[in-house]
């Protein structure tokens, strides 16, 4: 950026200290770059000849943040991502992507952890598309807390919000033989 825009901004180094992430907006900046807010809606139909018992709809919220294991050829992100997993009270997982790079990921989905994420991003605001995604995600969170997802009007609102989230891809899969519909 300095070269492209003729700036003289000093490089901000990775925070490897034990500073409290809750007390600064650093995590907001990291999320702007690499964080994602996902909402999964699983609609299950009532009993049928194939499915002998009915199962209710489910809505899942998930916050995901991915980072390459090696940011630079000699710089491992693992210690930092382990600290981030502790901060978010979740597990650090890894996978290999299609270019054979190891990716570290933290994922939050329990309602208590989602509440923590909601409180943090209401304290240290995101901007742009991420803010819009977060606010829609927060609406779904509040609907879950208030049990609005259990009524038809609430389910319709959630499906509408899913369609407006930037990183969600709408896939409505209705498989009668398996008796479910997925909206992701």
N, C-alpha and C. Protein backbone atom coordinates (compact mmCIF):
# COMPACT_ATOMS: atom_id res chain seq x y z
N UNK A 1 0.82 -1.19 0.00
CA UNK A 1 0.00 0.00 0.00
C UNK A 1 0.86 1.25 0.00
N UNK A 2 1.96 1.20 0.76
CA UNK A 2 2.83 2.37 0.80
C UNK A 2 3.32 2.73 -0.60
N UNK A 3 3.76 1.72 -1.37
CA UNK A 3 4.26 1.97 -2.71
C UNK A 3 3.13 2.41 -3.64
N UNK A 4 2.04 1.69 -3.60
CA UNK A 4 0.93 1.96 -4.51
C UNK A 4 0.31 3.33 -4.29
N UNK A 5 0.16 3.73 -3.01
CA UNK A 5 -0.53 4.99 -2.71
C UNK A 5 0.41 6.07 -2.18
N UNK A 6 1.73 5.86 -2.29
CA UNK A 6 2.73 6.82 -1.85
C UNK A 6 2.52 7.21 -0.39
N UNK A 7 2.38 6.20 0.45
CA UNK A 7 2.18 6.41 1.88
C UNK A 7 3.46 6.08 2.63
N UNK A 8 3.46 6.43 3.89
CA UNK A 8 4.59 6.11 4.76
C UNK A 8 4.07 5.45 6.04
N UNK A 9 3.20 4.46 5.88
CA UNK A 9 2.62 3.77 7.02
C UNK A 9 3.57 2.70 7.49
N UNK A 10 3.83 2.65 8.79
CA UNK A 10 4.73 1.62 9.30
C UNK A 10 4.00 0.29 9.36
N UNK A 11 4.76 -0.78 9.16
CA UNK A 11 4.18 -2.11 9.18
C UNK A 11 3.76 -2.45 10.59
N UNK A 12 2.57 -2.97 10.72
CA UNK A 12 2.07 -3.42 12.01
C UNK A 12 2.40 -4.89 12.14
N UNK A 13 3.24 -5.21 13.11
CA UNK A 13 3.67 -6.58 13.27
C UNK A 13 2.60 -7.41 13.94
N UNK A 14 2.68 -8.71 13.77
CA UNK A 14 1.76 -9.63 14.39
C UNK A 14 1.89 -9.53 15.90
N UNK A 15 0.78 -9.46 16.59
CA UNK A 15 0.78 -9.34 18.04
C UNK A 15 1.04 -10.71 18.66
N UNK A 16 2.30 -10.99 18.98
CA UNK A 16 2.64 -12.26 19.60
C UNK A 16 2.69 -12.16 21.12
N UNK A 17 2.39 -10.99 21.64
CA UNK A 17 2.40 -10.83 23.09
C UNK A 17 1.13 -11.41 23.67
N UNK A 18 0.98 -11.32 24.94
CA UNK A 18 -0.21 -11.82 25.59
C UNK A 18 -1.23 -10.71 25.81
N UNK A 19 -1.28 -9.73 24.91
CA UNK A 19 -2.25 -8.66 25.06
C UNK A 19 -3.66 -9.23 24.96
N UNK A 20 -4.58 -8.60 25.63
CA UNK A 20 -5.96 -9.07 25.66
C UNK A 20 -6.68 -8.59 24.41
N UNK A 21 -7.05 -9.52 23.55
CA UNK A 21 -7.71 -9.18 22.29
C UNK A 21 -9.02 -8.45 22.55
N UNK A 22 -9.69 -8.76 23.64
CA UNK A 22 -10.97 -8.12 23.96
C UNK A 22 -10.81 -6.61 24.13
N UNK A 23 -9.61 -6.16 24.50
CA UNK A 23 -9.39 -4.74 24.80
C UNK A 23 -8.88 -3.91 23.63
N UNK A 24 -8.91 -4.45 22.42
CA UNK A 24 -8.51 -3.66 21.27
C UNK A 24 -9.28 -4.12 20.03
N UNK A 25 -9.17 -3.36 18.97
CA UNK A 25 -9.95 -3.66 17.77
C UNK A 25 -9.17 -4.47 16.73
N UNK A 26 -8.03 -5.01 17.12
CA UNK A 26 -7.20 -5.74 16.19
C UNK A 26 -7.96 -6.90 15.54
N UNK A 27 -8.72 -7.65 16.33
CA UNK A 27 -9.47 -8.79 15.82
C UNK A 27 -10.49 -8.37 14.77
N UNK A 28 -11.03 -7.16 14.89
CA UNK A 28 -11.95 -6.64 13.87
C UNK A 28 -11.25 -6.52 12.53
N UNK A 29 -10.05 -5.98 12.52
CA UNK A 29 -9.29 -5.85 11.28
C UNK A 29 -8.97 -7.20 10.67
N UNK A 30 -8.60 -8.15 11.51
CA UNK A 30 -8.30 -9.50 11.04
C UNK A 30 -9.55 -10.14 10.43
N UNK A 31 -10.69 -9.92 11.06
CA UNK A 31 -11.95 -10.46 10.57
C UNK A 31 -12.34 -9.81 9.24
N UNK A 32 -12.09 -8.52 9.09
CA UNK A 32 -12.38 -7.84 7.82
C UNK A 32 -11.69 -8.56 6.67
N UNK A 33 -10.51 -9.06 6.93
CA UNK A 33 -9.73 -9.73 5.89
C UNK A 33 -10.11 -11.20 5.73
N UNK A 34 -10.17 -11.93 6.82
CA UNK A 34 -10.24 -13.39 6.74
C UNK A 34 -11.42 -14.04 7.45
N UNK A 35 -12.31 -13.27 8.05
CA UNK A 35 -13.44 -13.84 8.79
C UNK A 35 -14.69 -13.97 7.93
N UNK A 36 -15.55 -14.91 8.31
CA UNK A 36 -16.79 -15.16 7.57
C UNK A 36 -17.92 -15.45 8.55
N UNK A 37 -19.09 -14.90 8.25
CA UNK A 37 -20.30 -15.16 9.02
C UNK A 37 -21.20 -16.06 8.18
N UNK A 38 -21.53 -17.23 8.70
CA UNK A 38 -22.33 -18.19 7.95
C UNK A 38 -23.61 -18.51 8.72
N UNK A 39 -24.66 -18.73 7.98
CA UNK A 39 -25.92 -19.18 8.55
C UNK A 39 -26.38 -20.39 7.76
N UNK A 40 -26.66 -21.46 8.46
CA UNK A 40 -27.12 -22.69 7.81
C UNK A 40 -28.55 -22.95 8.26
N UNK A 41 -29.40 -23.20 7.30
CA UNK A 41 -30.80 -23.49 7.58
C UNK A 41 -31.11 -24.88 7.03
N UNK A 42 -31.48 -25.78 7.89
CA UNK A 42 -31.81 -27.13 7.49
C UNK A 42 -33.30 -27.35 7.77
N UNK A 43 -34.04 -27.55 6.71
CA UNK A 43 -35.49 -27.74 6.83
C UNK A 43 -35.80 -29.22 6.64
N UNK A 44 -36.44 -29.77 7.61
CA UNK A 44 -36.82 -31.18 7.52
C UNK A 44 -38.33 -31.28 7.47
N UNK A 45 -38.80 -32.13 6.63
CA UNK A 45 -40.23 -32.30 6.45
C UNK A 45 -40.82 -33.23 7.49
N UNK A 46 -42.11 -33.31 7.49
CA UNK A 46 -42.82 -34.15 8.45
C UNK A 46 -42.73 -35.62 8.06
N UNK A 47 -43.34 -36.45 8.88
CA UNK A 47 -43.33 -37.89 8.64
C UNK A 47 -43.82 -38.24 7.24
N UNK A 48 -43.32 -39.34 6.74
CA UNK A 48 -43.77 -39.86 5.45
C UNK A 48 -43.59 -41.37 5.46
N UNK A 49 -43.88 -42.00 4.32
CA UNK A 49 -43.68 -43.45 4.23
C UNK A 49 -42.21 -43.81 4.35
N UNK A 50 -41.35 -42.91 3.90
CA UNK A 50 -39.91 -43.18 3.93
C UNK A 50 -39.32 -42.83 5.29
N UNK A 51 -39.74 -41.68 5.82
CA UNK A 51 -39.22 -41.21 7.11
C UNK A 51 -40.32 -41.39 8.15
N UNK A 52 -40.11 -42.27 9.10
CA UNK A 52 -41.16 -42.64 10.05
C UNK A 52 -41.33 -41.66 11.21
N UNK A 53 -40.42 -40.74 11.40
CA UNK A 53 -40.59 -39.74 12.45
C UNK A 53 -40.25 -38.37 11.91
N UNK A 54 -40.87 -37.36 12.45
CA UNK A 54 -40.60 -36.00 11.99
C UNK A 54 -39.44 -35.42 12.78
N UNK A 55 -38.70 -34.55 12.13
CA UNK A 55 -37.56 -33.88 12.75
C UNK A 55 -37.73 -32.40 12.47
N UNK A 56 -37.46 -31.58 13.46
CA UNK A 56 -37.69 -30.15 13.29
C UNK A 56 -36.60 -29.48 12.47
N UNK A 57 -36.92 -28.27 11.99
CA UNK A 57 -35.95 -27.46 11.27
C UNK A 57 -34.81 -27.10 12.21
N UNK A 58 -33.66 -26.78 11.64
CA UNK A 58 -32.56 -26.29 12.47
C UNK A 58 -31.86 -25.13 11.77
N UNK A 59 -31.40 -24.20 12.57
CA UNK A 59 -30.65 -23.05 12.10
C UNK A 59 -29.34 -23.03 12.87
N UNK A 60 -28.24 -22.92 12.14
CA UNK A 60 -26.92 -22.89 12.77
C UNK A 60 -26.18 -21.64 12.34
N UNK A 61 -25.62 -20.95 13.30
CA UNK A 61 -24.75 -19.81 13.02
C UNK A 61 -23.31 -20.26 13.20
N UNK A 62 -22.43 -19.75 12.36
CA UNK A 62 -21.02 -20.11 12.47
C UNK A 62 -20.17 -18.91 12.07
N UNK A 63 -19.18 -18.62 12.90
CA UNK A 63 -18.15 -17.64 12.56
C UNK A 63 -16.90 -18.44 12.26
N UNK A 64 -16.27 -18.18 11.11
CA UNK A 64 -15.09 -18.93 10.69
C UNK A 64 -13.98 -17.95 10.33
N UNK A 65 -12.77 -18.27 10.75
CA UNK A 65 -11.61 -17.47 10.37
C UNK A 65 -10.51 -18.43 9.96
N UNK A 66 -10.02 -18.29 8.73
CA UNK A 66 -8.97 -19.15 8.19
C UNK A 66 -7.69 -18.34 7.99
N UNK A 67 -6.56 -19.04 8.13
CA UNK A 67 -5.26 -18.40 7.93
C UNK A 67 -4.27 -19.46 7.48
N UNK A 68 -3.42 -19.11 6.51
CA UNK A 68 -2.37 -20.06 6.10
C UNK A 68 -1.44 -20.35 7.28
N UNK A 69 -1.01 -21.59 7.39
CA UNK A 69 -0.08 -21.97 8.46
C UNK A 69 1.20 -21.14 8.35
N UNK A 70 1.72 -21.03 7.13
CA UNK A 70 2.94 -20.25 6.92
C UNK A 70 2.57 -18.98 6.18
N UNK A 71 2.65 -17.85 6.90
CA UNK A 71 2.33 -16.57 6.28
C UNK A 71 3.45 -16.15 5.34
N UNK A 72 4.65 -16.33 5.80
CA UNK A 72 5.85 -16.13 4.98
C UNK A 72 6.60 -17.46 5.09
N UNK A 73 7.51 -17.75 4.20
CA UNK A 73 8.16 -19.07 4.22
C UNK A 73 8.72 -19.48 5.59
N UNK A 74 9.07 -18.53 6.43
CA UNK A 74 9.68 -18.89 7.71
C UNK A 74 8.82 -18.49 8.90
N UNK A 75 7.63 -17.98 8.68
CA UNK A 75 6.82 -17.45 9.77
C UNK A 75 5.55 -18.28 9.97
N UNK A 76 5.52 -19.06 11.06
CA UNK A 76 4.36 -19.90 11.34
C UNK A 76 3.30 -19.08 12.06
N UNK A 77 2.06 -19.24 11.62
CA UNK A 77 0.93 -18.56 12.25
C UNK A 77 0.31 -19.41 13.36
N UNK A 78 0.82 -20.62 13.56
CA UNK A 78 0.21 -21.53 14.53
C UNK A 78 0.16 -20.97 15.95
N UNK A 79 1.24 -20.41 16.51
CA UNK A 79 1.14 -19.89 17.88
C UNK A 79 0.07 -18.79 18.01
N UNK A 80 0.00 -17.91 17.03
CA UNK A 80 -1.00 -16.86 17.07
C UNK A 80 -2.42 -17.44 16.97
N UNK A 81 -2.62 -18.37 16.04
CA UNK A 81 -3.96 -18.96 15.86
C UNK A 81 -4.36 -19.78 17.09
N UNK A 82 -3.40 -20.38 17.78
CA UNK A 82 -3.71 -21.08 19.04
C UNK A 82 -4.22 -20.08 20.07
N UNK A 83 -3.59 -18.90 20.15
CA UNK A 83 -4.06 -17.86 21.07
C UNK A 83 -5.45 -17.37 20.67
N UNK A 84 -5.69 -17.24 19.39
CA UNK A 84 -6.99 -16.80 18.91
C UNK A 84 -8.07 -17.85 19.26
N UNK A 85 -7.73 -19.12 19.13
CA UNK A 85 -8.68 -20.18 19.50
C UNK A 85 -8.99 -20.13 20.99
N UNK A 86 -8.00 -19.84 21.80
CA UNK A 86 -8.24 -19.67 23.25
C UNK A 86 -9.16 -18.48 23.50
N UNK A 87 -8.92 -17.38 22.81
CA UNK A 87 -9.75 -16.18 22.94
C UNK A 87 -11.20 -16.47 22.57
N UNK A 88 -11.40 -17.24 21.51
CA UNK A 88 -12.75 -17.54 21.02
C UNK A 88 -13.36 -18.77 21.69
N UNK A 89 -12.60 -19.41 22.55
CA UNK A 89 -13.04 -20.61 23.26
C UNK A 89 -13.50 -21.67 22.25
N UNK A 90 -12.60 -22.01 21.35
CA UNK A 90 -12.90 -23.03 20.34
C UNK A 90 -11.62 -23.79 20.02
N UNK A 91 -11.74 -24.80 19.20
CA UNK A 91 -10.59 -25.60 18.81
C UNK A 91 -9.94 -25.02 17.56
N UNK A 92 -8.64 -25.20 17.46
CA UNK A 92 -7.91 -24.86 16.25
C UNK A 92 -7.83 -26.12 15.40
N UNK A 93 -8.27 -26.02 14.16
CA UNK A 93 -8.23 -27.15 13.25
C UNK A 93 -7.40 -26.77 12.03
N UNK A 94 -7.03 -27.77 11.26
CA UNK A 94 -6.28 -27.48 10.04
C UNK A 94 -6.76 -28.40 8.92
N UNK A 95 -6.54 -27.93 7.70
CA UNK A 95 -6.84 -28.73 6.52
C UNK A 95 -5.89 -28.29 5.42
N UNK A 96 -5.80 -29.08 4.38
CA UNK A 96 -4.96 -28.76 3.24
C UNK A 96 -5.87 -28.33 2.10
N UNK A 97 -5.59 -27.15 1.54
CA UNK A 97 -6.44 -26.65 0.45
C UNK A 97 -5.99 -27.25 -0.89
N UNK A 98 -6.62 -26.81 -1.98
CA UNK A 98 -6.35 -27.39 -3.30
C UNK A 98 -4.97 -27.04 -3.86
N UNK A 99 -4.24 -26.12 -3.21
CA UNK A 99 -2.87 -25.81 -3.64
C UNK A 99 -1.85 -26.45 -2.70
N UNK A 100 -2.30 -27.40 -1.89
CA UNK A 100 -1.46 -28.12 -0.92
C UNK A 100 -0.87 -27.22 0.16
N UNK A 101 -1.53 -26.11 0.46
CA UNK A 101 -1.13 -25.26 1.58
C UNK A 101 -1.93 -25.67 2.80
N UNK A 102 -1.27 -25.72 3.94
CA UNK A 102 -2.00 -26.04 5.16
C UNK A 102 -2.69 -24.78 5.66
N UNK A 103 -3.97 -24.90 5.96
CA UNK A 103 -4.79 -23.79 6.43
C UNK A 103 -5.22 -24.07 7.86
N UNK A 104 -5.04 -23.09 8.73
CA UNK A 104 -5.51 -23.17 10.11
C UNK A 104 -6.86 -22.49 10.18
N UNK A 105 -7.77 -23.06 10.95
CA UNK A 105 -9.10 -22.47 11.02
C UNK A 105 -9.65 -22.52 12.44
N UNK A 106 -10.31 -21.44 12.81
CA UNK A 106 -11.09 -21.40 14.05
C UNK A 106 -12.53 -21.22 13.64
N UNK A 107 -13.41 -21.89 14.37
CA UNK A 107 -14.82 -21.87 14.03
C UNK A 107 -15.64 -21.83 15.31
N UNK A 108 -16.58 -20.89 15.37
CA UNK A 108 -17.42 -20.71 16.54
C UNK A 108 -18.87 -20.95 16.13
N UNK A 109 -19.58 -21.81 16.87
CA UNK A 109 -20.99 -22.05 16.52
C UNK A 109 -21.92 -22.19 17.71
N UNK A 110 -21.42 -22.43 18.91
CA UNK A 110 -22.32 -22.53 20.06
C UNK A 110 -22.92 -21.15 20.34
N UNK A 111 -24.15 -21.11 20.82
CA UNK A 111 -24.81 -19.82 21.05
C UNK A 111 -24.07 -18.97 22.07
N UNK A 112 -23.44 -19.58 23.07
CA UNK A 112 -22.65 -18.80 24.04
C UNK A 112 -21.46 -18.14 23.36
N UNK A 113 -20.79 -18.88 22.50
CA UNK A 113 -19.64 -18.32 21.77
C UNK A 113 -20.09 -17.28 20.75
N UNK A 114 -21.23 -17.53 20.11
CA UNK A 114 -21.77 -16.55 19.15
C UNK A 114 -22.12 -15.26 19.89
N UNK A 115 -22.66 -15.38 21.10
CA UNK A 115 -22.97 -14.18 21.91
C UNK A 115 -21.71 -13.36 22.15
N UNK A 116 -20.62 -14.04 22.45
CA UNK A 116 -19.33 -13.38 22.66
C UNK A 116 -18.90 -12.62 21.40
N UNK A 117 -19.03 -13.27 20.24
CA UNK A 117 -18.68 -12.64 18.96
C UNK A 117 -19.57 -11.43 18.71
N UNK A 118 -20.87 -11.57 18.94
CA UNK A 118 -21.81 -10.46 18.75
C UNK A 118 -21.42 -9.28 19.64
N UNK A 119 -21.13 -9.55 20.91
CA UNK A 119 -20.74 -8.47 21.82
C UNK A 119 -19.44 -7.80 21.38
N UNK A 120 -18.47 -8.59 20.92
CA UNK A 120 -17.20 -8.02 20.48
C UNK A 120 -17.41 -7.09 19.28
N UNK A 121 -18.14 -7.57 18.26
CA UNK A 121 -18.30 -6.75 17.05
C UNK A 121 -19.28 -5.60 17.23
N UNK A 122 -20.05 -5.61 18.28
CA UNK A 122 -20.83 -4.42 18.61
C UNK A 122 -19.98 -3.41 19.39
N UNK A 123 -18.91 -3.88 19.98
CA UNK A 123 -17.96 -3.00 20.67
C UNK A 123 -16.95 -2.41 19.70
N UNK A 124 -16.42 -3.26 18.80
CA UNK A 124 -15.43 -2.85 17.80
C UNK A 124 -16.03 -3.13 16.42
N UNK A 125 -16.65 -2.13 15.84
CA UNK A 125 -17.46 -2.29 14.63
C UNK A 125 -16.64 -2.67 13.40
N UNK A 126 -17.24 -3.53 12.61
CA UNK A 126 -16.73 -3.85 11.28
C UNK A 126 -17.18 -2.74 10.33
N UNK A 127 -16.72 -2.79 9.09
CA UNK A 127 -17.15 -1.79 8.11
C UNK A 127 -17.58 -2.50 6.82
N UNK A 128 -18.28 -1.79 5.98
CA UNK A 128 -18.62 -2.28 4.64
C UNK A 128 -19.45 -3.55 4.63
N UNK A 129 -19.11 -4.44 3.66
CA UNK A 129 -19.84 -5.69 3.48
C UNK A 129 -19.81 -6.57 4.73
N UNK A 130 -18.68 -6.60 5.43
CA UNK A 130 -18.60 -7.44 6.64
C UNK A 130 -19.56 -6.94 7.70
N UNK A 131 -19.71 -5.62 7.83
CA UNK A 131 -20.66 -5.07 8.79
C UNK A 131 -22.08 -5.48 8.40
N UNK A 132 -22.41 -5.38 7.11
CA UNK A 132 -23.74 -5.79 6.65
C UNK A 132 -23.99 -7.27 6.93
N UNK A 133 -23.00 -8.10 6.62
CA UNK A 133 -23.14 -9.53 6.88
C UNK A 133 -23.31 -9.80 8.38
N UNK A 134 -22.49 -9.13 9.17
CA UNK A 134 -22.57 -9.32 10.62
C UNK A 134 -23.95 -8.91 11.16
N UNK A 135 -24.48 -7.79 10.71
CA UNK A 135 -25.78 -7.31 11.23
C UNK A 135 -26.90 -8.29 10.87
N UNK A 136 -26.87 -8.87 9.67
CA UNK A 136 -27.87 -9.87 9.30
C UNK A 136 -27.69 -11.13 10.15
N UNK A 137 -26.45 -11.52 10.35
CA UNK A 137 -26.12 -12.67 11.18
C UNK A 137 -26.59 -12.44 12.61
N UNK A 138 -26.42 -11.22 13.12
CA UNK A 138 -26.85 -10.86 14.46
C UNK A 138 -28.38 -10.93 14.58
N UNK A 139 -29.09 -10.53 13.53
CA UNK A 139 -30.55 -10.63 13.54
C UNK A 139 -30.97 -12.08 13.72
N UNK A 140 -30.33 -12.98 12.97
CA UNK A 140 -30.65 -14.41 13.10
C UNK A 140 -30.31 -14.89 14.51
N UNK A 141 -29.19 -14.45 15.05
CA UNK A 141 -28.82 -14.82 16.43
C UNK A 141 -29.92 -14.40 17.40
N UNK A 142 -30.37 -13.16 17.30
CA UNK A 142 -31.43 -12.68 18.20
C UNK A 142 -32.73 -13.44 18.00
N UNK A 143 -33.02 -13.82 16.76
CA UNK A 143 -34.21 -14.62 16.50
C UNK A 143 -34.11 -16.00 17.16
N UNK A 144 -32.92 -16.58 17.15
CA UNK A 144 -32.72 -17.87 17.82
C UNK A 144 -32.91 -17.72 19.33
N UNK A 145 -32.34 -16.68 19.89
CA UNK A 145 -32.46 -16.44 21.33
C UNK A 145 -33.92 -16.25 21.72
N UNK A 146 -34.67 -15.53 20.88
CA UNK A 146 -36.07 -15.24 21.16
C UNK A 146 -37.02 -16.33 20.66
N UNK A 147 -36.46 -17.43 20.15
CA UNK A 147 -37.23 -18.59 19.67
C UNK A 147 -38.13 -18.26 18.47
N UNK A 148 -37.82 -17.18 17.74
CA UNK A 148 -38.61 -16.81 16.58
C UNK A 148 -38.41 -17.76 15.41
N UNK A 149 -37.32 -18.52 15.42
CA UNK A 149 -37.06 -19.49 14.35
C UNK A 149 -38.03 -20.67 14.41
N UNK A 150 -38.80 -20.75 15.47
CA UNK A 150 -39.73 -21.86 15.62
C UNK A 150 -41.08 -21.62 14.96
N UNK A 151 -41.32 -20.39 14.50
CA UNK A 151 -42.59 -20.08 13.83
C UNK A 151 -42.33 -19.86 12.34
N UNK A 152 -43.35 -20.07 11.54
CA UNK A 152 -43.20 -20.00 10.08
C UNK A 152 -42.68 -18.63 9.63
N UNK A 153 -43.21 -17.56 10.18
CA UNK A 153 -42.78 -16.22 9.79
C UNK A 153 -41.29 -16.01 10.08
N UNK A 154 -40.82 -16.52 11.21
CA UNK A 154 -39.40 -16.43 11.55
C UNK A 154 -38.53 -17.22 10.59
N UNK A 155 -38.97 -18.42 10.24
CA UNK A 155 -38.21 -19.24 9.30
C UNK A 155 -38.10 -18.58 7.93
N UNK A 156 -39.19 -17.96 7.49
CA UNK A 156 -39.16 -17.24 6.20
C UNK A 156 -38.19 -16.07 6.26
N UNK A 157 -38.19 -15.35 7.38
CA UNK A 157 -37.27 -14.21 7.53
C UNK A 157 -35.82 -14.68 7.53
N UNK A 158 -35.54 -15.78 8.19
CA UNK A 158 -34.18 -16.32 8.22
C UNK A 158 -33.73 -16.72 6.82
N UNK A 159 -34.58 -17.39 6.08
CA UNK A 159 -34.23 -17.79 4.71
C UNK A 159 -33.95 -16.56 3.85
N UNK A 160 -34.72 -15.50 4.05
CA UNK A 160 -34.50 -14.26 3.31
C UNK A 160 -33.15 -13.64 3.67
N UNK A 161 -32.84 -13.63 4.96
CA UNK A 161 -31.56 -13.06 5.41
C UNK A 161 -30.38 -13.87 4.88
N UNK A 162 -30.51 -15.19 4.83
CA UNK A 162 -29.44 -16.04 4.31
C UNK A 162 -29.11 -15.64 2.88
N UNK A 163 -30.13 -15.35 2.11
CA UNK A 163 -29.92 -14.95 0.72
C UNK A 163 -29.19 -13.63 0.58
N UNK A 164 -29.18 -12.82 1.62
CA UNK A 164 -28.54 -11.51 1.57
C UNK A 164 -27.13 -11.50 2.15
N UNK A 165 -26.70 -12.60 2.74
CA UNK A 165 -25.34 -12.66 3.28
C UNK A 165 -24.36 -12.87 2.15
N UNK A 166 -23.32 -12.04 2.12
CA UNK A 166 -22.36 -12.05 1.02
C UNK A 166 -21.67 -13.40 0.83
N UNK A 167 -21.23 -14.03 1.92
CA UNK A 167 -20.45 -15.26 1.80
C UNK A 167 -21.30 -16.52 1.81
N UNK A 168 -22.60 -16.40 2.01
CA UNK A 168 -23.46 -17.57 1.94
C UNK A 168 -23.85 -17.79 0.50
N UNK A 169 -23.89 -19.00 0.08
CA UNK A 169 -24.36 -19.35 -1.24
C UNK A 169 -25.69 -20.06 -1.04
N UNK A 170 -26.71 -19.58 -1.70
CA UNK A 170 -28.01 -20.19 -1.52
C UNK A 170 -28.06 -21.51 -2.29
N UNK A 171 -28.32 -22.54 -1.56
CA UNK A 171 -28.52 -23.85 -2.14
C UNK A 171 -29.73 -24.43 -1.43
N UNK A 172 -30.79 -24.56 -2.15
CA UNK A 172 -31.97 -25.20 -1.57
C UNK A 172 -32.04 -26.57 -2.20
N UNK A 173 -31.79 -27.54 -1.39
CA UNK A 173 -31.72 -28.92 -1.85
C UNK A 173 -32.88 -29.67 -1.20
N UNK A 174 -33.82 -30.08 -1.99
CA UNK A 174 -34.97 -30.83 -1.47
C UNK A 174 -34.86 -32.25 -1.99
N UNK A 175 -34.60 -33.16 -1.09
CA UNK A 175 -34.44 -34.56 -1.46
C UNK A 175 -35.57 -35.35 -0.79
N UNK A 176 -36.67 -35.58 -1.52
CA UNK A 176 -37.81 -36.24 -0.91
C UNK A 176 -37.49 -37.59 -0.28
N UNK A 177 -36.59 -38.35 -0.90
CA UNK A 177 -36.28 -39.68 -0.36
C UNK A 177 -35.56 -39.57 0.99
N UNK A 178 -34.81 -38.51 1.18
CA UNK A 178 -34.15 -38.30 2.46
C UNK A 178 -34.95 -37.39 3.38
N UNK A 179 -35.94 -36.74 2.82
CA UNK A 179 -36.89 -35.95 3.57
C UNK A 179 -36.27 -34.71 4.24
N UNK A 180 -35.45 -33.95 3.51
CA UNK A 180 -34.94 -32.71 4.06
C UNK A 180 -34.64 -31.70 2.96
N UNK A 181 -34.53 -30.44 3.39
CA UNK A 181 -34.15 -29.34 2.51
C UNK A 181 -33.03 -28.58 3.20
N UNK A 182 -32.00 -28.20 2.45
CA UNK A 182 -30.89 -27.43 3.02
C UNK A 182 -30.84 -26.08 2.34
N UNK A 183 -30.68 -25.05 3.14
CA UNK A 183 -30.42 -23.70 2.63
C UNK A 183 -29.08 -23.29 3.20
N UNK A 184 -28.06 -23.05 2.38
CA UNK A 184 -26.74 -22.68 2.91
C UNK A 184 -26.24 -21.48 2.21
